[in-house]
C-alpha atoms as a PDB file:
ATOM      1  CA  UNK A   1      67.323 127.675 -56.742  1.00  0.00           C
ATOM      2  CA  UNK A   2      65.090 130.177 -57.955  1.00  0.00           C
ATOM      3  CA  UNK A   3      64.899 128.735 -61.675  1.00  0.00           C
ATOM      4  CA  UNK A   4      64.124 124.738 -60.113  1.00  0.00           C
ATOM      5  CA  UNK A   5      60.811 126.335 -58.387  1.00  0.00           C
ATOM      6  CA  UNK A   6      59.595 128.465 -61.415  1.00  0.00           C
ATOM      7  CA  UNK A   7      60.134 125.213 -62.908  1.00  0.00           C
ATOM      8  CA  UNK A   8      58.604 123.394 -61.266  1.00  0.00           C
ATOM      9  CA  UNK A   9      55.527 125.423 -60.352  1.00  0.00           C
ATOM     10  CA  UNK A  10      54.865 126.163 -63.929  1.00  0.00           C
ATOM     11  CA  UNK A  11      55.196 122.319 -64.395  1.00  0.00           C
ATOM     12  CA  UNK A  12      51.912 121.430 -61.577  1.00  0.00           C
ATOM     13  CA  UNK A  13      50.341 124.819 -63.038  1.00  0.00           C
ATOM     14  CA  UNK A  14      50.375 123.026 -66.461  1.00  0.00           C
ATOM     15  CA  UNK A  15      49.753 119.307 -65.241  1.00  0.00           C
ATOM     16  CA  UNK A  16      46.617 121.413 -63.194  1.00  0.00           C
ATOM     17  CA  UNK A  17      45.035 122.623 -66.606  1.00  0.00           C
ATOM     18  CA  UNK A  18      45.672 119.384 -68.442  1.00  0.00           C
ATOM     19  CA  UNK A  19      44.085 117.440 -65.789  1.00  0.00           C
ATOM     20  CA  UNK A  20      41.307 120.361 -65.500  1.00  0.00           C
ATOM     21  CA  UNK A  21      40.563 121.173 -69.336  1.00  0.00           C
ATOM     22  CA  UNK A  22      38.158 117.434 -69.992  1.00  0.00           C
ATOM     23  CA  UNK A  23      35.992 119.554 -66.943  1.00  0.00           C
ATOM     24  CA  UNK A  24      35.377 121.894 -69.101  1.00  0.00           C
ATOM     25  CA  UNK A  25      34.672 120.173 -72.228  1.00  0.00           C
ATOM     26  CA  UNK A  26      32.025 118.251 -70.180  1.00  0.00           C
ATOM     27  CA  UNK A  27      29.811 120.409 -68.814  1.00  0.00           C
ATOM     28  CA  UNK A  28      25.962 120.229 -69.960  1.00  0.00           C
ATOM     29  CA  UNK A  29      23.419 122.613 -69.913  1.00  0.00           C
ATOM     30  CA  UNK A  30      21.237 122.220 -67.065  1.00  0.00           C
ATOM     31  CA  UNK A  31      17.041 121.476 -67.625  1.00  0.00           C
ATOM     32  CA  UNK A  32      16.233 125.182 -66.564  1.00  0.00           C
ATOM     33  CA  UNK A  33      18.690 126.431 -69.015  1.00  0.00           C
ATOM     34  CA  UNK A  34      17.066 124.121 -71.595  1.00  0.00           C
ATOM     35  CA  UNK A  35      13.790 125.568 -70.883  1.00  0.00           C
ATOM     36  CA  UNK A  36      14.802 128.959 -71.071  1.00  0.00           C
ATOM     37  CA  UNK A  37      16.052 128.876 -74.241  1.00  0.00           C
ATOM     38  CA  UNK A  38      13.238 126.787 -75.496  1.00  0.00           C
ATOM     39  CA  UNK A  39      11.256 129.648 -73.989  1.00  0.00           C
ATOM     40  CA  UNK A  40      12.998 132.339 -75.973  1.00  0.00           C
ATOM     41  CA  UNK A  41      12.922 130.280 -78.766  1.00  0.00           C
ATOM     42  CA  UNK A  42       9.058 130.661 -78.755  1.00  0.00           C
ATOM     43  CA  UNK A  43       8.638 134.518 -78.004  1.00  0.00           C
ATOM     44  CA  UNK A  44       8.270 135.772 -81.600  1.00  0.00           C
ATOM     45  CA  UNK A  45       5.676 138.357 -81.603  1.00  0.00           C
ATOM     46  CA  UNK A  46       3.238 138.790 -84.708  1.00  0.00           C
ATOM     47  CA  UNK A  47       2.912 141.895 -85.875  1.00  0.00           C
ATOM     48  CA  UNK A  48      -0.121 143.565 -87.400  1.00  0.00           C
ATOM     49  CA  UNK A  49       0.560 144.962 -91.281  1.00  0.00           C
ATOM     50  CA  UNK A  50       3.623 147.546 -91.409  1.00  0.00           C
ATOM     51  CA  UNK A  51       4.065 147.223 -87.657  1.00  0.00           C
ATOM     52  CA  UNK A  52       7.834 146.693 -86.650  1.00  0.00           C
ATOM     53  CA  UNK A  53       8.491 146.751 -82.605  1.00  0.00           C
ATOM     54  CA  UNK A  54       9.697 150.005 -82.446  1.00  0.00           C
ATOM     55  CA  UNK A  55       6.566 151.133 -84.191  1.00  0.00           C
ATOM     56  CA  UNK A  56       3.739 149.088 -82.696  1.00  0.00           C
ATOM     57  CA  UNK A  57      -0.121 150.741 -84.033  1.00  0.00           C
ATOM     58  CA  UNK A  58      -2.354 147.637 -83.478  1.00  0.00           C
ATOM     59  CA  UNK A  59      -3.022 144.825 -81.297  1.00  0.00           C
ATOM     60  CA  UNK A  60      -0.944 141.786 -81.365  1.00  0.00           C
ATOM     61  CA  UNK A  61      -0.879 138.500 -79.979  1.00  0.00           C
ATOM     62  CA  UNK A  62       1.828 137.827 -76.967  1.00  0.00           C
ATOM     63  CA  UNK A  63       2.983 133.923 -77.212  1.00  0.00           C
ATOM     64  CA  UNK A  64       2.788 132.122 -74.027  1.00  0.00           C
ATOM     65  CA  UNK A  65       5.530 129.696 -73.524  1.00  0.00           C
ATOM     66  CA  UNK A  66       6.626 128.037 -70.270  1.00  0.00           C
ATOM     67  CA  UNK A  67       7.068 130.204 -67.401  1.00  0.00           C
ATOM     68  CA  UNK A  68       6.903 133.880 -69.271  1.00  0.00           C
ATOM     69  CA  UNK A  69       3.728 136.120 -68.047  1.00  0.00           C
ATOM     70  CA  UNK A  70       2.887 139.072 -69.775  1.00  0.00           C
ATOM     71  CA  UNK A  71       1.768 142.305 -67.963  1.00  0.00           C
ATOM     72  CA  UNK A  72       1.570 146.235 -68.388  1.00  0.00           C
ATOM     73  CA  UNK A  73       1.923 148.919 -65.748  1.00  0.00           C
ATOM     74  CA  UNK A  74      -0.759 150.561 -68.010  1.00  0.00           C
ATOM     75  CA  UNK A  75      -3.346 148.658 -69.454  1.00  0.00           C
ATOM     76  CA  UNK A  76      -4.947 151.713 -70.835  1.00  0.00           C
ATOM     77  CA  UNK A  77      -1.921 151.646 -73.959  1.00  0.00           C
ATOM     78  CA  UNK A  78      -1.313 147.791 -73.721  1.00  0.00           C
ATOM     79  CA  UNK A  79      -3.136 145.325 -72.419  1.00  0.00           C
ATOM     80  CA  UNK A  80      -1.634 142.033 -71.170  1.00  0.00           C
ATOM     81  CA  UNK A  81      -3.523 139.982 -73.512  1.00  0.00           C
ATOM     82  CA  UNK A  82      -1.297 141.784 -76.799  1.00  0.00           C
ATOM     83  CA  UNK A  83      -4.519 144.658 -77.384  1.00  0.00           C
ATOM     84  CA  UNK A  84      -3.629 147.961 -77.929  1.00  0.00           C
END
């Protein structure tokens, strides 16, 4: 009897997985997700000279993209427009 019950539970679980499998593949990204992906792609910094992200010595342009807003908590070091 236990074996029959285990088999029935296994079959029910397998059937549920098969029935729900297309739900995972049919998911589409939301508009917010698409916008965030586009904003992220547009956020490349154009550094000057030999500067690198780990060693910035000159001013650079801060790209604007969608809902991204730049701010600095120490404007004496880096202003919100990218002036160093």
